[in-house]
PDB file of N, CA and C in Angstrom:
ATOM      1  N   UNK A   1     -12.335  27.878-154.202  1.00  0.00           N
ATOM      2  CA  UNK A   1     -13.584  27.921-153.458  1.00  0.00           C
ATOM      3  C   UNK A   1     -13.495  27.017-152.237  1.00  0.00           C
ATOM      4  N   UNK A   2     -14.437  27.229-151.354  1.00  0.00           N
ATOM      5  CA  UNK A   2     -14.499  26.428-150.144  1.00  0.00           C
ATOM      6  C   UNK A   2     -15.474  25.275-150.334  1.00  0.00           C
ATOM      7  N   UNK A   3     -15.199  24.190-149.646  1.00  0.00           N
ATOM      8  CA  UNK A   3     -16.142  23.082-149.676  1.00  0.00           C
ATOM      9  C   UNK A   3     -17.314  23.397-148.750  1.00  0.00           C
ATOM     10  N   UNK A   4     -18.356  22.584-148.833  1.00  0.00           N
ATOM     11  CA  UNK A   4     -19.542  22.829-148.019  1.00  0.00           C
ATOM     12  C   UNK A   4     -19.215  22.685-146.525  1.00  0.00           C
ATOM     13  N   UNK A   5     -18.380  21.734-146.180  1.00  0.00           N
ATOM     14  CA  UNK A   5     -17.991  21.547-144.790  1.00  0.00           C
ATOM     15  C   UNK A   5     -17.213  22.732-144.248  1.00  0.00           C
ATOM     16  N   UNK A   6     -16.333  23.297-145.069  1.00  0.00           N
ATOM     17  CA  UNK A   6     -15.561  24.465-144.635  1.00  0.00           C
ATOM     18  C   UNK A   6     -16.464  25.677-144.421  1.00  0.00           C
ATOM     19  N   UNK A   7     -17.442  25.861-145.300  1.00  0.00           N
ATOM     20  CA  UNK A   7     -18.379  26.972-145.139  1.00  0.00           C
ATOM     21  C   UNK A   7     -19.217  26.815-143.876  1.00  0.00           C
ATOM     22  N   UNK A   8     -19.697  25.612-143.623  1.00  0.00           N
ATOM     23  CA  UNK A   8     -20.484  25.366-142.412  1.00  0.00           C
ATOM     24  C   UNK A   8     -19.633  25.630-141.174  1.00  0.00           C
ATOM     25  N   UNK A   9     -18.395  25.145-141.181  1.00  0.00           N
ATOM     26  CA  UNK A   9     -17.511  25.375-140.045  1.00  0.00           C
ATOM     27  C   UNK A   9     -17.249  26.865-139.850  1.00  0.00           C
ATOM     28  N   UNK A  10     -16.963  27.584-140.925  1.00  0.00           N
ATOM     29  CA  UNK A  10     -16.665  29.009-140.835  1.00  0.00           C
ATOM     30  C   UNK A  10     -17.845  29.804-140.307  1.00  0.00           C
ATOM     31  N   UNK A  11     -19.027  29.541-140.821  1.00  0.00           N
ATOM     32  CA  UNK A  11     -20.218  30.262-140.363  1.00  0.00           C
ATOM     33  C   UNK A  11     -20.523  29.934-138.902  1.00  0.00           C
ATOM     34  N   UNK A  12     -20.415  28.673-138.538  1.00  0.00           N
ATOM     35  CA  UNK A  12     -20.650  28.264-137.148  1.00  0.00           C
ATOM     36  C   UNK A  12     -19.633  28.904-136.221  1.00  0.00           C
ATOM     37  N   UNK A  13     -18.372  28.911-136.619  1.00  0.00           N
ATOM     38  CA  UNK A  13     -17.315  29.511-135.811  1.00  0.00           C
ATOM     39  C   UNK A  13     -17.574  30.985-135.583  1.00  0.00           C
ATOM     40  N   UNK A  14     -17.930  31.714-136.622  1.00  0.00           N
ATOM     41  CA  UNK A  14     -18.176  33.155-136.500  1.00  0.00           C
ATOM     42  C   UNK A  14     -19.355  33.425-135.567  1.00  0.00           C
ATOM     43  N   UNK A  15     -20.431  32.665-135.711  1.00  0.00           N
ATOM     44  CA  UNK A  15     -21.612  32.871-134.872  1.00  0.00           C
ATOM     45  C   UNK A  15     -21.288  32.601-133.406  1.00  0.00           C
ATOM     46  N   UNK A  16     -20.600  31.488-133.128  1.00  0.00           N
ATOM     47  CA  UNK A  16     -20.256  31.152-131.742  1.00  0.00           C
ATOM     48  C   UNK A  16     -19.262  32.154-131.178  1.00  0.00           C
ATOM     49  N   UNK A  17     -18.289  32.580-131.970  1.00  0.00           N
ATOM     50  CA  UNK A  17     -17.294  33.544-131.515  1.00  0.00           C
ATOM     51  C   UNK A  17     -17.938  34.871-131.147  1.00  0.00           C
ATOM     52  N   UNK A  18     -18.849  35.359-131.977  1.00  0.00           N
ATOM     53  CA  UNK A  18     -19.538  36.617-131.692  1.00  0.00           C
ATOM     54  C   UNK A  18     -20.410  36.481-130.450  1.00  0.00           C
ATOM     55  N   UNK A  19     -21.073  35.340-130.294  1.00  0.00           N
ATOM     56  CA  UNK A  19     -21.898  35.115-129.103  1.00  0.00           C
ATOM     57  C   UNK A  19     -21.046  35.128-127.835  1.00  0.00           C
ATOM     58  N   UNK A  20     -19.869  34.516-127.882  1.00  0.00           N
ATOM     59  CA  UNK A  20     -18.974  34.512-126.718  1.00  0.00           C
ATOM     60  C   UNK A  20     -18.472  35.922-126.424  1.00  0.00           C
ATOM     61  N   UNK A  21     -18.145  36.695-127.458  1.00  0.00           N
ATOM     62  CA  UNK A  21     -17.714  38.078-127.251  1.00  0.00           C
ATOM     63  C   UNK A  21     -18.806  38.918-126.595  1.00  0.00           C
ATOM     64  N   UNK A  22     -20.034  38.767-127.049  1.00  0.00           N
ATOM     65  CA  UNK A  22     -21.145  39.519-126.470  1.00  0.00           C
ATOM     66  C   UNK A  22     -21.349  39.121-125.013  1.00  0.00           C
ATOM     67  N   UNK A  23     -21.307  37.820-124.723  1.00  0.00           N
ATOM     68  CA  UNK A  23     -21.492  37.332-123.352  1.00  0.00           C
ATOM     69  C   UNK A  23     -20.406  37.872-122.422  1.00  0.00           C
ATOM     70  N   UNK A  24     -19.156  37.793-122.844  1.00  0.00           N
ATOM     71  CA  UNK A  24     -18.081  38.253-121.960  1.00  0.00           C
ATOM     72  C   UNK A  24     -18.095  39.767-121.802  1.00  0.00           C
ATOM     73  N   UNK A  25     -18.484  40.508-122.831  1.00  0.00           N
ATOM     74  CA  UNK A  25     -18.553  41.959-122.697  1.00  0.00           C
ATOM     75  C   UNK A  25     -19.646  42.344-121.706  1.00  0.00           C
ATOM     76  N   UNK A  26     -20.806  41.693-121.796  1.00  0.00           N
ATOM     77  CA  UNK A  26     -21.887  41.990-120.858  1.00  0.00           C
ATOM     78  C   UNK A  26     -21.501  41.602-119.442  1.00  0.00           C
ATOM     79  N   UNK A  27     -20.770  40.514-119.288  1.00  0.00           N
ATOM     80  CA  UNK A  27     -20.342  40.063-117.972  1.00  0.00           C
ATOM     81  C   UNK A  27     -19.373  41.072-117.347  1.00  0.00           C
ATOM     82  N   UNK A  28     -18.520  41.685-118.130  1.00  0.00           N
ATOM     83  CA  UNK A  28     -17.499  42.604-117.636  1.00  0.00           C
ATOM     84  C   UNK A  28     -17.899  44.078-117.755  1.00  0.00           C
ATOM     85  N   UNK A  29     -19.146  44.370-118.078  1.00  0.00           N
ATOM     86  CA  UNK A  29     -19.524  45.763-118.334  1.00  0.00           C
ATOM     87  C   UNK A  29     -19.383  46.637-117.092  1.00  0.00           C
ATOM     88  N   UNK A  30     -19.628  46.096-115.898  1.00  0.00           N
ATOM     89  CA  UNK A  30     -19.455  46.898-114.677  1.00  0.00           C
ATOM     90  C   UNK A  30     -17.997  47.267-114.467  1.00  0.00           C
ATOM     91  N   UNK A  31     -17.104  46.355-114.737  1.00  0.00           N
ATOM     92  CA  UNK A  31     -15.670  46.615-114.603  1.00  0.00           C
ATOM     93  C   UNK A  31     -15.228  47.659-115.623  1.00  0.00           C
ATOM     94  N   UNK A  32     -15.766  47.563-116.843  1.00  0.00           N
ATOM     95  CA  UNK A  32     -15.408  48.534-117.878  1.00  0.00           C
ATOM     96  C   UNK A  32     -15.828  49.940-117.475  1.00  0.00           C
ATOM     97  N   UNK A  33     -17.024  50.078-116.917  1.00  0.00           N
ATOM     98  CA  UNK A  33     -17.512  51.400-116.527  1.00  0.00           C
ATOM     99  C   UNK A  33     -16.695  51.971-115.381  1.00  0.00           C
ATOM    100  N   UNK A  34     -16.170  51.108-114.521  1.00  0.00           N
ATOM    101  CA  UNK A  34     -15.415  51.580-113.362  1.00  0.00           C
ATOM    102  C   UNK A  34     -13.993  51.988-113.745  1.00  0.00           C
ATOM    103  N   UNK A  35     -13.295  51.160-114.493  1.00  0.00           N
ATOM    104  CA  UNK A  35     -11.870  51.373-114.734  1.00  0.00           C
ATOM    105  C   UNK A  35     -11.557  52.125-116.028  1.00  0.00           C
ATOM    106  N   UNK A  36     -12.465  52.108-116.977  1.00  0.00           N
ATOM    107  CA  UNK A  36     -12.178  52.746-118.266  1.00  0.00           C
ATOM    108  C   UNK A  36     -13.050  53.971-118.499  1.00  0.00           C
ATOM    109  N   UNK A  37     -13.386  54.667-117.429  1.00  0.00           N
ATOM    110  CA  UNK A  37     -14.192  55.878-117.525  1.00  0.00           C
ATOM    111  C   UNK A  37     -13.384  56.951-118.260  1.00  0.00           C
ATOM    112  N   UNK A  38     -13.982  57.561-119.263  1.00  0.00           N
ATOM    113  CA  UNK A  38     -13.319  58.620-120.009  1.00  0.00           C
ATOM    114  C   UNK A  38     -12.470  58.131-121.171  1.00  0.00           C
ATOM    115  N   UNK A  39     -12.471  56.844-121.439  1.00  0.00           N
ATOM    116  CA  UNK A  39     -11.634  56.342-122.532  1.00  0.00           C
ATOM    117  C   UNK A  39     -12.189  56.727-123.902  1.00  0.00           C
ATOM    118  N   UNK A  40     -13.470  57.072-123.954  1.00  0.00           N
ATOM    119  CA  UNK A  40     -14.046  57.510-125.226  1.00  0.00           C
ATOM    120  C   UNK A  40     -13.381  58.793-125.708  1.00  0.00           C
ATOM    121  N   UNK A  41     -13.057  59.688-124.783  1.00  0.00           N
ATOM    122  CA  UNK A  41     -12.388  60.944-125.157  1.00  0.00           C
ATOM    123  C   UNK A  41     -10.998  60.671-125.731  1.00  0.00           C
ATOM    124  N   UNK A  42     -10.300  59.723-125.153  1.00  0.00           N
ATOM    125  CA  UNK A  42      -8.968  59.366-125.666  1.00  0.00           C
ATOM    126  C   UNK A  42      -9.086  58.819-127.077  1.00  0.00           C
ATOM    127  N   UNK A  43     -10.103  57.991-127.319  1.00  0.00           N
ATOM    128  CA  UNK A  43     -10.325  57.453-128.661  1.00  0.00           C
ATOM    129  C   UNK A  43     -10.631  58.569-129.652  1.00  0.00           C
ATOM    130  N   UNK A  44     -11.472  59.512-129.257  1.00  0.00           N
ATOM    131  CA  UNK A  44     -11.809  60.621-130.159  1.00  0.00           C
ATOM    132  C   UNK A  44     -10.598  61.491-130.467  1.00  0.00           C
ATOM    133  N   UNK A  45      -9.762  61.755-129.471  1.00  0.00           N
ATOM    134  CA  UNK A  45      -8.541  62.537-129.701  1.00  0.00           C
ATOM    135  C   UNK A  45      -7.610  61.791-130.639  1.00  0.00           C
ATOM    136  N   UNK A  46      -7.465  60.482-130.450  1.00  0.00           N
ATOM    137  CA  UNK A  46      -6.598  59.691-131.311  1.00  0.00           C
ATOM    138  C   UNK A  46      -7.093  59.697-132.755  1.00  0.00           C
ATOM    139  N   UNK A  47      -8.395  59.519-132.947  1.00  0.00           N
ATOM    140  CA  UNK A  47      -8.960  59.517-134.302  1.00  0.00           C
ATOM    141  C   UNK A  47      -8.791  60.891-134.951  1.00  0.00           C
ATOM    142  N   UNK A  48      -9.006  61.966-134.194  1.00  0.00           N
ATOM    143  CA  UNK A  48      -8.831  63.302-134.777  1.00  0.00           C
ATOM    144  C   UNK A  48      -7.368  63.582-135.108  1.00  0.00           C
ATOM    145  N   UNK A  49      -6.453  63.072-134.283  1.00  0.00           N
ATOM    146  CA  UNK A  49      -5.026  63.251-134.568  1.00  0.00           C
ATOM    147  C   UNK A  49      -4.634  62.541-135.863  1.00  0.00           C
ATOM    148  N   UNK A  50      -5.063  61.310-136.022  1.00  0.00           N
ATOM    149  CA  UNK A  50      -4.754  60.560-137.247  1.00  0.00           C
ATOM    150  C   UNK A  50      -5.415  61.230-138.451  1.00  0.00           C
ATOM    151  N   UNK A  51      -6.642  61.719-138.273  1.00  0.00           N
ATOM    152  CA  UNK A  51      -7.321  62.407-139.372  1.00  0.00           C
ATOM    153  C   UNK A  51      -6.594  63.684-139.762  1.00  0.00           C
ATOM    154  N   UNK A  52      -6.095  64.417-138.781  1.00  0.00           N
ATOM    155  CA  UNK A  52      -5.368  65.641-139.110  1.00  0.00           C
ATOM    156  C   UNK A  52      -4.057  65.343-139.828  1.00  0.00           C
ATOM    157  N   UNK A  53      -3.379  64.282-139.438  1.00  0.00           N
ATOM    158  CA  UNK A  53      -2.157  63.891-140.157  1.00  0.00           C
ATOM    159  C   UNK A  53      -2.479  63.532-141.601  1.00  0.00           C
ATOM    160  N   UNK A  54      -3.567  62.790-141.810  1.00  0.00           N
ATOM    161  CA  UNK A  54      -3.968  62.426-143.168  1.00  0.00           C
ATOM    162  C   UNK A  54      -4.362  63.660-143.968  1.00  0.00           C
ATOM    163  N   UNK A  55      -5.048  64.611-143.332  1.00  0.00           N
ATOM    164  CA  UNK A  55      -5.446  65.839-144.037  1.00  0.00           C
ATOM    165  C   UNK A  55      -4.230  66.663-144.421  1.00  0.00           C
ATOM    166  N   UNK A  56      -3.266  66.781-143.524  1.00  0.00           N
ATOM    167  CA  UNK A  56      -2.047  67.522-143.846  1.00  0.00           C
ATOM    168  C   UNK A  56      -1.301  66.863-145.000  1.00  0.00           C
ATOM    169  N   UNK A  57      -1.228  65.543-144.973  1.00  0.00           N
ATOM    170  CA  UNK A  57      -0.573  64.828-146.064  1.00  0.00           C
ATOM    171  C   UNK A  57      -1.297  65.062-147.390  1.00  0.00           C
ATOM    172  N   UNK A  58      -2.636  65.053-147.345  1.00  0.00           N
ATOM    173  CA  UNK A  58      -3.402  65.270-148.567  1.00  0.00           C
ATOM    174  C   UNK A  58      -3.238  66.702-149.080  1.00  0.00           C
ATOM    175  N   UNK A  59      -3.237  67.663-148.165  1.00  0.00           N
ATOM    176  CA  UNK A  59      -3.118  69.070-148.567  1.00  0.00           C
ATOM    177  C   UNK A  59      -1.732  69.360-149.141  1.00  0.00           C
ATOM    178  N   UNK A  60      -0.686  68.839-148.500  1.00  0.00           N
ATOM    179  CA  UNK A  60       0.671  69.102-148.971  1.00  0.00           C
ATOM    180  C   UNK A  60       1.051  68.241-150.179  1.00  0.00           C
ATOM    181  N   UNK A  61       0.314  67.178-150.420  1.00  0.00           N
ATOM    182  CA  UNK A  61       0.528  66.370-151.615  1.00  0.00           C
ATOM    183  C   UNK A  61       1.663  65.361-151.510  1.00  0.00           C
ATOM    184  N   UNK A  62       1.998  64.937-150.328  1.00  0.00           N
ATOM    185  CA  UNK A  62       3.067  63.939-150.185  1.00  0.00           C
ATOM    186  C   UNK A  62       2.528  62.561-150.362  1.00  0.00           C
TER     187      UNK A  62
END
C-alpha cells in the first residue's frame, strides 16, 4: 500500500499534470486546426484497419 504522503503527492501530481495539458492544448488549438486538418480521417482509417485485422484473426481462429 501507499503511505498518506505518497497518495497526496500522486493525486496532486495528476491534477496539476492534467491542468497543464488542458492549458497547453487550448493555447495551441489554433496551430492544431491549421496544421493537422484532416487528421481525424487518418485516425479513423487506422482504427478500422486494426479492427479489421483483429476481426480476420478472430474469424480464422489464429
